[in-house]
């Protein structure tokens, strides 16, 4: 219930680090055989967002990172404050993406997975959820070196005024 917050559908003051921890508890079995998971959670202020949606974004990023790793690698989740934003990064040591793929990953139904293994909606939904919460999501990737997703959410109070 803490992860899904099925009883809450609205935005509220949220501890992003707690979102990361509860999401990791849910997806740990998906990660443990393919990657070492490092959590570098900084001291950050609360953000005003829909925690259920942000948990879904983190889930999608972690599962995609695990699926991009061939053999055994690492996934690093970092949080920190930068100005009036809280930043979350999910970086992996997976196979990375060429530029033509990287440009399309937020498009609906675009997938690099074999037929029947991916819908091509996970990153599209993640993009939409981050935007709905006033944030931004970007990606950096290099073939053979891995991928890093960065989610930026504004530090706001309940009235939507930046602090």
N, C-alpha and C. Protein backbone atom coordinates (compact mmCIF):
# COMPACT_ATOMS: atom_id res chain seq x y z
N UNK A 1 0.83 -1.20 0.00
CA UNK A 1 0.00 0.00 0.00
C UNK A 1 0.87 1.25 0.00
N UNK A 2 2.00 1.22 0.73
CA UNK A 2 2.90 2.38 0.75
C UNK A 2 3.43 2.67 -0.64
N UNK A 3 3.71 1.61 -1.40
CA UNK A 3 4.23 1.78 -2.76
C UNK A 3 3.15 2.33 -3.68
N UNK A 4 2.00 1.68 -3.72
CA UNK A 4 0.97 2.02 -4.69
C UNK A 4 0.14 3.23 -4.28
N UNK A 5 -0.02 3.44 -2.99
CA UNK A 5 -0.87 4.52 -2.50
C UNK A 5 -2.22 4.52 -3.20
N UNK A 6 -2.83 3.35 -3.25
CA UNK A 6 -4.09 3.21 -3.97
C UNK A 6 -5.19 4.10 -3.42
N UNK A 7 -5.02 4.54 -2.18
CA UNK A 7 -6.03 5.39 -1.58
C UNK A 7 -5.80 6.87 -1.90
N UNK A 8 -4.72 7.19 -2.59
CA UNK A 8 -4.41 8.58 -2.89
C UNK A 8 -4.14 8.74 -4.38
N UNK A 9 -4.88 9.64 -5.01
CA UNK A 9 -4.67 9.87 -6.43
C UNK A 9 -4.20 11.29 -6.73
N UNK A 10 -4.11 12.11 -5.70
CA UNK A 10 -3.74 13.50 -5.90
C UNK A 10 -2.30 13.74 -5.49
N UNK A 11 -1.81 14.89 -5.91
CA UNK A 11 -0.46 15.31 -5.53
C UNK A 11 -0.45 15.70 -4.05
N UNK A 12 0.72 15.47 -3.44
CA UNK A 12 0.89 15.84 -2.04
C UNK A 12 2.39 16.01 -1.78
N UNK A 13 2.72 16.54 -0.62
CA UNK A 13 4.13 16.66 -0.23
C UNK A 13 4.71 15.25 -0.18
N UNK A 14 5.82 15.04 -0.87
CA UNK A 14 6.35 13.69 -1.05
C UNK A 14 7.85 13.67 -0.81
N UNK A 15 8.31 12.66 -0.12
CA UNK A 15 9.73 12.41 0.08
C UNK A 15 10.20 11.53 -1.08
N UNK A 16 10.91 12.11 -2.03
CA UNK A 16 11.36 11.37 -3.20
C UNK A 16 12.27 10.20 -2.83
N UNK A 17 13.07 10.38 -1.79
CA UNK A 17 13.93 9.28 -1.34
C UNK A 17 13.10 8.09 -0.86
N UNK A 18 11.97 8.38 -0.20
CA UNK A 18 11.09 7.29 0.22
C UNK A 18 10.45 6.61 -0.98
N UNK A 19 10.13 7.37 -2.02
CA UNK A 19 9.62 6.76 -3.26
C UNK A 19 10.65 5.79 -3.82
N UNK A 20 11.92 6.20 -3.84
CA UNK A 20 12.98 5.33 -4.35
C UNK A 20 13.06 4.06 -3.51
N UNK A 21 13.10 4.22 -2.18
CA UNK A 21 13.24 3.05 -1.30
C UNK A 21 12.07 2.09 -1.44
N UNK A 22 10.85 2.60 -1.48
CA UNK A 22 9.70 1.69 -1.58
C UNK A 22 9.65 1.02 -2.95
N UNK A 23 10.04 1.73 -3.99
CA UNK A 23 10.07 1.13 -5.33
C UNK A 23 11.14 0.03 -5.40
N UNK A 24 12.30 0.30 -4.84
CA UNK A 24 13.38 -0.70 -4.82
C UNK A 24 12.91 -1.97 -4.12
N UNK A 25 12.16 -1.83 -3.04
CA UNK A 25 11.64 -3.01 -2.34
C UNK A 25 10.74 -3.85 -3.24
N UNK A 26 10.00 -3.20 -4.12
CA UNK A 26 9.09 -3.91 -5.02
C UNK A 26 9.85 -4.60 -6.15
N UNK A 27 10.86 -3.95 -6.71
CA UNK A 27 11.53 -4.49 -7.91
C UNK A 27 12.87 -5.18 -7.61
N UNK A 28 13.22 -5.29 -6.34
CA UNK A 28 14.52 -5.87 -5.98
C UNK A 28 14.78 -7.23 -6.64
N UNK A 29 13.79 -8.11 -6.67
CA UNK A 29 13.98 -9.43 -7.27
C UNK A 29 14.28 -9.36 -8.77
N UNK A 30 13.76 -8.33 -9.44
CA UNK A 30 14.02 -8.15 -10.88
C UNK A 30 15.47 -7.71 -11.11
N UNK A 31 16.07 -7.10 -10.10
CA UNK A 31 17.40 -6.51 -10.26
C UNK A 31 18.54 -7.37 -9.74
N UNK A 32 18.28 -8.13 -8.69
CA UNK A 32 19.38 -8.72 -7.93
C UNK A 32 20.27 -9.69 -8.70
N UNK A 33 19.77 -10.31 -9.74
CA UNK A 33 20.59 -11.27 -10.47
C UNK A 33 21.37 -10.63 -11.62
N UNK A 34 21.01 -9.41 -11.99
CA UNK A 34 21.68 -8.77 -13.12
C UNK A 34 22.51 -7.55 -12.75
N UNK A 35 22.27 -6.99 -11.57
CA UNK A 35 22.96 -5.73 -11.26
C UNK A 35 23.16 -5.53 -9.77
N UNK A 36 24.27 -4.88 -9.48
CA UNK A 36 24.48 -4.34 -8.14
C UNK A 36 23.74 -3.01 -8.11
N UNK A 37 22.95 -2.80 -7.09
CA UNK A 37 22.17 -1.56 -6.98
C UNK A 37 22.82 -0.66 -5.94
N UNK A 38 23.17 0.54 -6.35
CA UNK A 38 23.75 1.52 -5.45
C UNK A 38 22.78 2.68 -5.31
N UNK A 39 22.40 3.00 -4.08
CA UNK A 39 21.52 4.12 -3.79
C UNK A 39 22.36 5.25 -3.18
N UNK A 40 22.43 6.36 -3.87
CA UNK A 40 23.16 7.54 -3.39
C UNK A 40 22.12 8.63 -3.18
N UNK A 41 21.38 8.50 -2.09
CA UNK A 41 20.25 9.39 -1.83
C UNK A 41 20.70 10.56 -0.98
N UNK A 42 20.64 11.75 -1.56
CA UNK A 42 21.09 12.95 -0.87
C UNK A 42 20.03 13.53 0.03
N UNK A 43 20.41 14.58 0.74
CA UNK A 43 19.46 15.32 1.57
C UNK A 43 18.69 16.24 0.65
N UNK A 44 17.40 15.98 0.52
CA UNK A 44 16.59 16.75 -0.42
C UNK A 44 15.30 17.20 0.25
N UNK A 45 14.75 18.32 -0.22
CA UNK A 45 13.46 18.76 0.33
C UNK A 45 12.32 17.93 -0.24
N UNK A 46 11.18 18.05 0.38
CA UNK A 46 9.97 17.40 -0.12
C UNK A 46 9.60 18.04 -1.46
N UNK A 47 8.96 17.23 -2.31
CA UNK A 47 8.44 17.76 -3.57
C UNK A 47 6.93 17.55 -3.55
N UNK A 48 6.23 18.40 -4.25
CA UNK A 48 4.77 18.28 -4.34
C UNK A 48 4.45 17.56 -5.63
N UNK A 49 4.05 16.29 -5.52
CA UNK A 49 3.79 15.47 -6.70
C UNK A 49 2.83 14.35 -6.34
N UNK A 50 2.46 13.59 -7.33
CA UNK A 50 1.64 12.40 -7.12
C UNK A 50 2.62 11.24 -6.90
N UNK A 51 2.79 10.77 -5.68
CA UNK A 51 3.80 9.74 -5.40
C UNK A 51 3.55 8.43 -6.13
N UNK A 52 2.28 8.08 -6.38
CA UNK A 52 1.99 6.85 -7.10
C UNK A 52 2.56 6.94 -8.52
N UNK A 53 2.40 8.07 -9.15
CA UNK A 53 2.93 8.24 -10.51
C UNK A 53 4.46 8.24 -10.51
N UNK A 54 5.06 8.89 -9.55
CA UNK A 54 6.52 8.93 -9.49
C UNK A 54 7.08 7.54 -9.18
N UNK A 55 6.40 6.78 -8.32
CA UNK A 55 6.81 5.39 -8.08
C UNK A 55 6.78 4.58 -9.38
N UNK A 56 5.76 4.81 -10.22
CA UNK A 56 5.67 4.10 -11.49
C UNK A 56 6.81 4.49 -12.41
N UNK A 57 7.18 5.76 -12.44
CA UNK A 57 8.31 6.22 -13.25
C UNK A 57 9.59 5.53 -12.80
N UNK A 58 9.83 5.52 -11.49
CA UNK A 58 11.05 4.89 -10.96
C UNK A 58 11.06 3.40 -11.29
N UNK A 59 9.91 2.75 -11.15
CA UNK A 59 9.80 1.33 -11.50
C UNK A 59 10.20 1.11 -12.95
N UNK A 60 9.63 1.89 -13.86
CA UNK A 60 9.94 1.73 -15.28
C UNK A 60 11.42 1.94 -15.55
N UNK A 61 12.02 2.95 -14.94
CA UNK A 61 13.44 3.23 -15.18
C UNK A 61 14.32 2.12 -14.64
N UNK A 62 13.99 1.58 -13.46
CA UNK A 62 14.80 0.51 -12.88
C UNK A 62 14.68 -0.79 -13.68
N UNK A 63 13.47 -1.14 -14.09
CA UNK A 63 13.27 -2.37 -14.87
C UNK A 63 13.96 -2.26 -16.22
N UNK A 64 13.82 -1.11 -16.88
CA UNK A 64 14.50 -0.92 -18.16
C UNK A 64 16.01 -1.00 -18.00
N UNK A 65 16.54 -0.42 -16.91
CA UNK A 65 17.98 -0.48 -16.67
C UNK A 65 18.43 -1.93 -16.53
N UNK A 66 17.68 -2.71 -15.75
CA UNK A 66 18.03 -4.12 -15.55
C UNK A 66 17.99 -4.88 -16.86
N UNK A 67 17.00 -4.59 -17.70
CA UNK A 67 16.86 -5.30 -18.98
C UNK A 67 17.93 -4.90 -19.98
N UNK A 68 18.56 -3.75 -19.79
CA UNK A 68 19.61 -3.29 -20.71
C UNK A 68 20.97 -3.89 -20.38
N UNK A 69 21.08 -4.50 -19.21
CA UNK A 69 22.36 -5.06 -18.78
C UNK A 69 22.51 -6.49 -19.29
N UNK A 70 23.62 -6.73 -19.96
CA UNK A 70 23.94 -8.08 -20.42
C UNK A 70 24.96 -8.65 -19.44
N UNK A 71 24.70 -9.83 -18.92
CA UNK A 71 25.58 -10.38 -17.89
C UNK A 71 25.26 -9.75 -16.55
N UNK A 72 26.27 -9.18 -15.91
CA UNK A 72 26.07 -8.52 -14.62
C UNK A 72 26.66 -7.13 -14.67
N UNK A 73 25.93 -6.15 -14.18
CA UNK A 73 26.40 -4.77 -14.20
C UNK A 73 25.98 -4.04 -12.95
N UNK A 74 25.82 -2.73 -13.08
CA UNK A 74 25.40 -1.95 -11.92
C UNK A 74 24.36 -0.91 -12.34
N UNK A 75 23.52 -0.60 -11.36
CA UNK A 75 22.52 0.46 -11.50
C UNK A 75 22.73 1.39 -10.32
N UNK A 76 22.83 2.67 -10.61
CA UNK A 76 23.03 3.66 -9.56
C UNK A 76 21.88 4.65 -9.58
N UNK A 77 21.23 4.81 -8.43
CA UNK A 77 20.14 5.77 -8.28
C UNK A 77 20.66 6.89 -7.38
N UNK A 78 20.56 8.11 -7.87
CA UNK A 78 21.08 9.27 -7.14
C UNK A 78 19.98 10.30 -7.00
N UNK A 79 19.91 10.95 -5.85
CA UNK A 79 19.02 12.10 -5.67
C UNK A 79 19.83 13.25 -5.08
N UNK A 80 19.50 14.45 -5.52
CA UNK A 80 20.14 15.65 -4.98
C UNK A 80 19.29 16.86 -5.34
N UNK A 81 19.57 17.97 -4.67
CA UNK A 81 18.87 19.21 -4.98
C UNK A 81 19.77 20.07 -5.85
N UNK A 82 19.17 20.68 -6.85
CA UNK A 82 19.88 21.60 -7.73
C UNK A 82 19.00 22.82 -7.92
N UNK A 83 19.32 23.90 -7.26
CA UNK A 83 18.49 25.09 -7.32
C UNK A 83 17.11 24.81 -6.76
N UNK A 84 16.09 25.11 -7.54
CA UNK A 84 14.71 24.89 -7.12
C UNK A 84 14.15 23.58 -7.64
N UNK A 85 15.04 22.63 -7.90
CA UNK A 85 14.61 21.32 -8.38
C UNK A 85 15.26 20.21 -7.56
N UNK A 86 14.52 19.10 -7.46
CA UNK A 86 15.08 17.86 -6.93
C UNK A 86 15.35 16.98 -8.14
N UNK A 87 16.55 16.41 -8.17
CA UNK A 87 16.98 15.63 -9.32
C UNK A 87 17.13 14.17 -8.92
N UNK A 88 16.61 13.29 -9.76
CA UNK A 88 16.73 11.84 -9.59
C UNK A 88 17.41 11.31 -10.85
N UNK A 89 18.49 10.56 -10.68
CA UNK A 89 19.10 9.92 -11.85
C UNK A 89 19.11 8.41 -11.63
N UNK A 90 18.87 7.69 -12.72
CA UNK A 90 18.98 6.23 -12.75
C UNK A 90 19.96 5.91 -13.86
N UNK A 91 21.15 5.45 -13.47
CA UNK A 91 22.21 5.17 -14.44
C UNK A 91 22.54 3.68 -14.42
N UNK A 92 22.77 3.11 -15.61
CA UNK A 92 23.12 1.70 -15.70
C UNK A 92 24.38 1.51 -16.53
N UNK A 93 24.97 0.34 -16.38
CA UNK A 93 26.15 -0.02 -17.17
C UNK A 93 25.74 -1.00 -18.28
N UNK A 94 24.55 -0.82 -18.79
CA UNK A 94 24.02 -1.69 -19.84
C UNK A 94 24.62 -1.41 -21.20
N UNK A 95 23.95 -1.92 -22.21
CA UNK A 95 24.49 -1.85 -23.57
C UNK A 95 24.40 -0.46 -24.18
N UNK A 96 23.64 0.46 -23.59
CA UNK A 96 23.51 1.80 -24.14
C UNK A 96 22.67 1.82 -25.40
N UNK A 97 22.49 3.03 -25.95
CA UNK A 97 21.64 3.20 -27.13
C UNK A 97 22.34 4.08 -28.15
N UNK A 98 22.22 3.73 -29.42
CA UNK A 98 22.71 4.65 -30.44
C UNK A 98 21.79 5.87 -30.53
N UNK A 99 22.28 6.92 -31.13
CA UNK A 99 21.55 8.20 -31.24
C UNK A 99 20.16 8.04 -31.85
N UNK A 100 20.01 7.24 -32.91
CA UNK A 100 18.71 7.10 -33.57
C UNK A 100 17.67 6.46 -32.66
N UNK A 101 18.09 5.56 -31.79
CA UNK A 101 17.17 4.94 -30.83
C UNK A 101 16.88 5.92 -29.70
N UNK A 102 17.92 6.57 -29.19
CA UNK A 102 17.76 7.51 -28.07
C UNK A 102 16.75 8.60 -28.40
N UNK A 103 16.75 9.06 -29.64
CA UNK A 103 15.83 10.13 -30.05
C UNK A 103 14.37 9.69 -30.02
N UNK A 104 14.11 8.39 -30.07
CA UNK A 104 12.73 7.89 -30.21
C UNK A 104 12.16 7.24 -28.96
N UNK A 105 12.94 7.10 -27.90
CA UNK A 105 12.50 6.25 -26.78
C UNK A 105 11.24 6.72 -26.06
N UNK A 106 10.90 8.00 -26.17
CA UNK A 106 9.69 8.48 -25.51
C UNK A 106 8.47 8.42 -26.43
N UNK A 107 8.65 7.94 -27.67
CA UNK A 107 7.53 7.81 -28.62
C UNK A 107 6.65 6.62 -28.23
N UNK A 108 5.32 6.80 -28.32
CA UNK A 108 4.42 5.67 -28.03
C UNK A 108 4.71 4.49 -28.96
N UNK A 109 4.72 3.31 -28.40
CA UNK A 109 4.87 2.03 -29.10
C UNK A 109 6.25 1.78 -29.70
N UNK A 110 7.21 2.68 -29.46
CA UNK A 110 8.57 2.42 -29.93
C UNK A 110 9.25 1.51 -28.91
N UNK A 111 9.79 0.39 -29.38
CA UNK A 111 10.50 -0.53 -28.50
C UNK A 111 11.65 -1.16 -29.26
N UNK A 112 12.68 -1.51 -28.53
CA UNK A 112 13.81 -2.23 -29.12
C UNK A 112 13.75 -3.70 -28.73
N UNK A 113 12.72 -4.05 -27.97
CA UNK A 113 12.57 -5.43 -27.50
C UNK A 113 11.93 -6.30 -28.59
N UNK A 114 12.18 -7.60 -28.52
CA UNK A 114 11.56 -8.51 -29.50
C UNK A 114 10.03 -8.46 -29.42
N UNK A 115 9.37 -8.79 -30.52
CA UNK A 115 7.91 -8.81 -30.57
C UNK A 115 7.37 -9.65 -29.42
N UNK A 116 6.39 -9.10 -28.72
CA UNK A 116 5.77 -9.81 -27.61
C UNK A 116 6.44 -9.58 -26.26
N UNK A 117 7.58 -8.87 -26.25
CA UNK A 117 8.28 -8.66 -24.97
C UNK A 117 8.20 -7.23 -24.46
N UNK A 118 7.73 -6.32 -25.26
CA UNK A 118 7.62 -4.94 -24.79
C UNK A 118 6.54 -4.22 -25.57
N UNK A 119 5.83 -3.32 -24.88
CA UNK A 119 4.75 -2.58 -25.54
C UNK A 119 5.23 -1.27 -26.12
N UNK A 120 6.40 -0.79 -25.65
CA UNK A 120 6.85 0.51 -26.08
C UNK A 120 6.09 1.64 -25.42
N UNK A 121 5.49 1.36 -24.27
CA UNK A 121 4.72 2.39 -23.57
C UNK A 121 5.33 2.83 -22.24
N UNK A 122 6.24 2.06 -21.69
CA UNK A 122 6.79 2.37 -20.37
C UNK A 122 7.41 3.74 -20.28
N UNK A 123 8.28 4.09 -21.22
CA UNK A 123 8.93 5.40 -21.19
C UNK A 123 8.00 6.51 -21.64
N UNK A 124 7.04 6.20 -22.51
CA UNK A 124 6.04 7.20 -22.91
C UNK A 124 5.20 7.59 -21.70
N UNK A 125 4.74 6.59 -20.96
CA UNK A 125 3.95 6.83 -19.76
C UNK A 125 4.79 7.57 -18.72
N UNK A 126 6.04 7.17 -18.56
CA UNK A 126 6.92 7.84 -17.60
C UNK A 126 7.09 9.31 -17.97
N UNK A 127 7.32 9.58 -19.24
CA UNK A 127 7.47 10.96 -19.72
C UNK A 127 6.23 11.78 -19.37
N UNK A 128 5.05 11.22 -19.68
CA UNK A 128 3.79 11.93 -19.41
C UNK A 128 3.59 12.18 -17.92
N UNK A 129 3.91 11.17 -17.10
CA UNK A 129 3.73 11.33 -15.65
C UNK A 129 4.66 12.39 -15.08
N UNK A 130 5.90 12.41 -15.53
CA UNK A 130 6.85 13.42 -15.04
C UNK A 130 6.35 14.81 -15.44
N UNK A 131 5.90 14.96 -16.68
CA UNK A 131 5.39 16.26 -17.15
C UNK A 131 4.17 16.69 -16.36
N UNK A 132 3.25 15.74 -16.07
CA UNK A 132 2.05 16.05 -15.29
C UNK A 132 2.40 16.55 -13.89
N UNK A 133 3.55 16.16 -13.40
CA UNK A 133 3.99 16.57 -12.07
C UNK A 133 4.92 17.77 -12.12
N UNK A 134 4.90 18.48 -13.25
CA UNK A 134 5.66 19.72 -13.38
C UNK A 134 7.15 19.53 -13.61
N UNK A 135 7.54 18.31 -13.95
CA UNK A 135 8.96 18.02 -14.09
C UNK A 135 9.41 17.82 -15.52
N UNK A 136 10.63 17.31 -15.62
CA UNK A 136 11.24 17.04 -16.92
C UNK A 136 12.03 15.75 -16.81
N UNK A 137 12.13 15.01 -17.92
CA UNK A 137 12.92 13.79 -17.96
C UNK A 137 13.79 13.82 -19.21
N UNK A 138 15.04 13.43 -19.04
CA UNK A 138 15.96 13.41 -20.17
C UNK A 138 16.82 12.16 -20.08
N UNK A 139 17.55 11.88 -21.16
CA UNK A 139 18.37 10.67 -21.20
C UNK A 139 19.69 10.97 -21.89
N UNK A 140 20.73 10.34 -21.37
CA UNK A 140 22.04 10.34 -22.02
C UNK A 140 22.44 8.88 -22.14
N UNK A 141 22.99 8.52 -23.30
CA UNK A 141 23.36 7.13 -23.51
C UNK A 141 24.49 7.04 -24.52
N UNK A 142 25.33 6.05 -24.31
CA UNK A 142 26.42 5.79 -25.22
C UNK A 142 26.52 4.28 -25.43
N UNK A 143 26.46 3.84 -26.67
CA UNK A 143 26.55 2.40 -26.92
C UNK A 143 27.78 1.78 -26.27
N UNK A 144 27.55 0.67 -25.57
CA UNK A 144 28.63 -0.03 -24.90
C UNK A 144 29.02 0.53 -23.55
N UNK A 145 28.44 1.66 -23.16
CA UNK A 145 28.83 2.30 -21.90
C UNK A 145 27.67 2.49 -20.92
N UNK A 146 26.44 2.39 -21.40
CA UNK A 146 25.30 2.52 -20.49
C UNK A 146 24.44 3.73 -20.77
N UNK A 147 23.44 3.89 -19.90
CA UNK A 147 22.42 4.91 -20.07
C UNK A 147 22.14 5.56 -18.72
N UNK A 148 21.82 6.85 -18.76
CA UNK A 148 21.45 7.58 -17.55
C UNK A 148 20.21 8.42 -17.83
N UNK A 149 19.15 8.15 -17.06
CA UNK A 149 17.93 8.96 -17.12
C UNK A 149 17.96 9.96 -15.98
N UNK A 150 17.54 11.18 -16.28
CA UNK A 150 17.48 12.23 -15.27
C UNK A 150 16.06 12.78 -15.19
N UNK A 151 15.49 12.72 -13.99
CA UNK A 151 14.16 13.27 -13.73
C UNK A 151 14.34 14.48 -12.83
N UNK A 152 13.76 15.59 -13.22
CA UNK A 152 13.82 16.83 -12.43
C UNK A 152 12.39 17.21 -12.03
N UNK A 153 12.20 17.40 -10.73
CA UNK A 153 10.90 17.81 -10.21
C UNK A 153 11.07 19.11 -9.44
N UNK A 154 10.13 20.04 -9.58
CA UNK A 154 10.26 21.31 -8.88
C UNK A 154 10.01 21.16 -7.38
N UNK A 155 10.77 21.95 -6.61
CA UNK A 155 10.52 22.02 -5.16
C UNK A 155 9.38 23.02 -4.99
N UNK A 156 8.23 22.52 -4.54
CA UNK A 156 7.06 23.37 -4.41
C UNK A 156 6.33 23.07 -3.12
N UNK A 157 5.53 24.03 -2.72
CA UNK A 157 4.62 23.75 -1.60
C UNK A 157 3.25 23.45 -2.17
N UNK A 158 2.29 23.21 -1.29
CA UNK A 158 0.96 22.79 -1.71
C UNK A 158 0.29 23.79 -2.66
N UNK A 159 0.57 25.05 -2.53
CA UNK A 159 -0.06 26.05 -3.39
C UNK A 159 0.63 26.15 -4.75
N UNK A 160 1.69 25.35 -4.93
CA UNK A 160 2.39 25.38 -6.21
C UNK A 160 3.40 26.51 -6.31
N UNK A 161 3.70 27.15 -5.18
CA UNK A 161 4.66 28.25 -5.19
C UNK A 161 6.03 27.68 -4.85
N UNK A 162 7.01 28.00 -5.68
CA UNK A 162 8.38 27.52 -5.40
C UNK A 162 8.88 28.06 -4.06
N UNK A 163 9.64 27.22 -3.36
CA UNK A 163 10.23 27.70 -2.11
C UNK A 163 11.70 27.97 -2.33
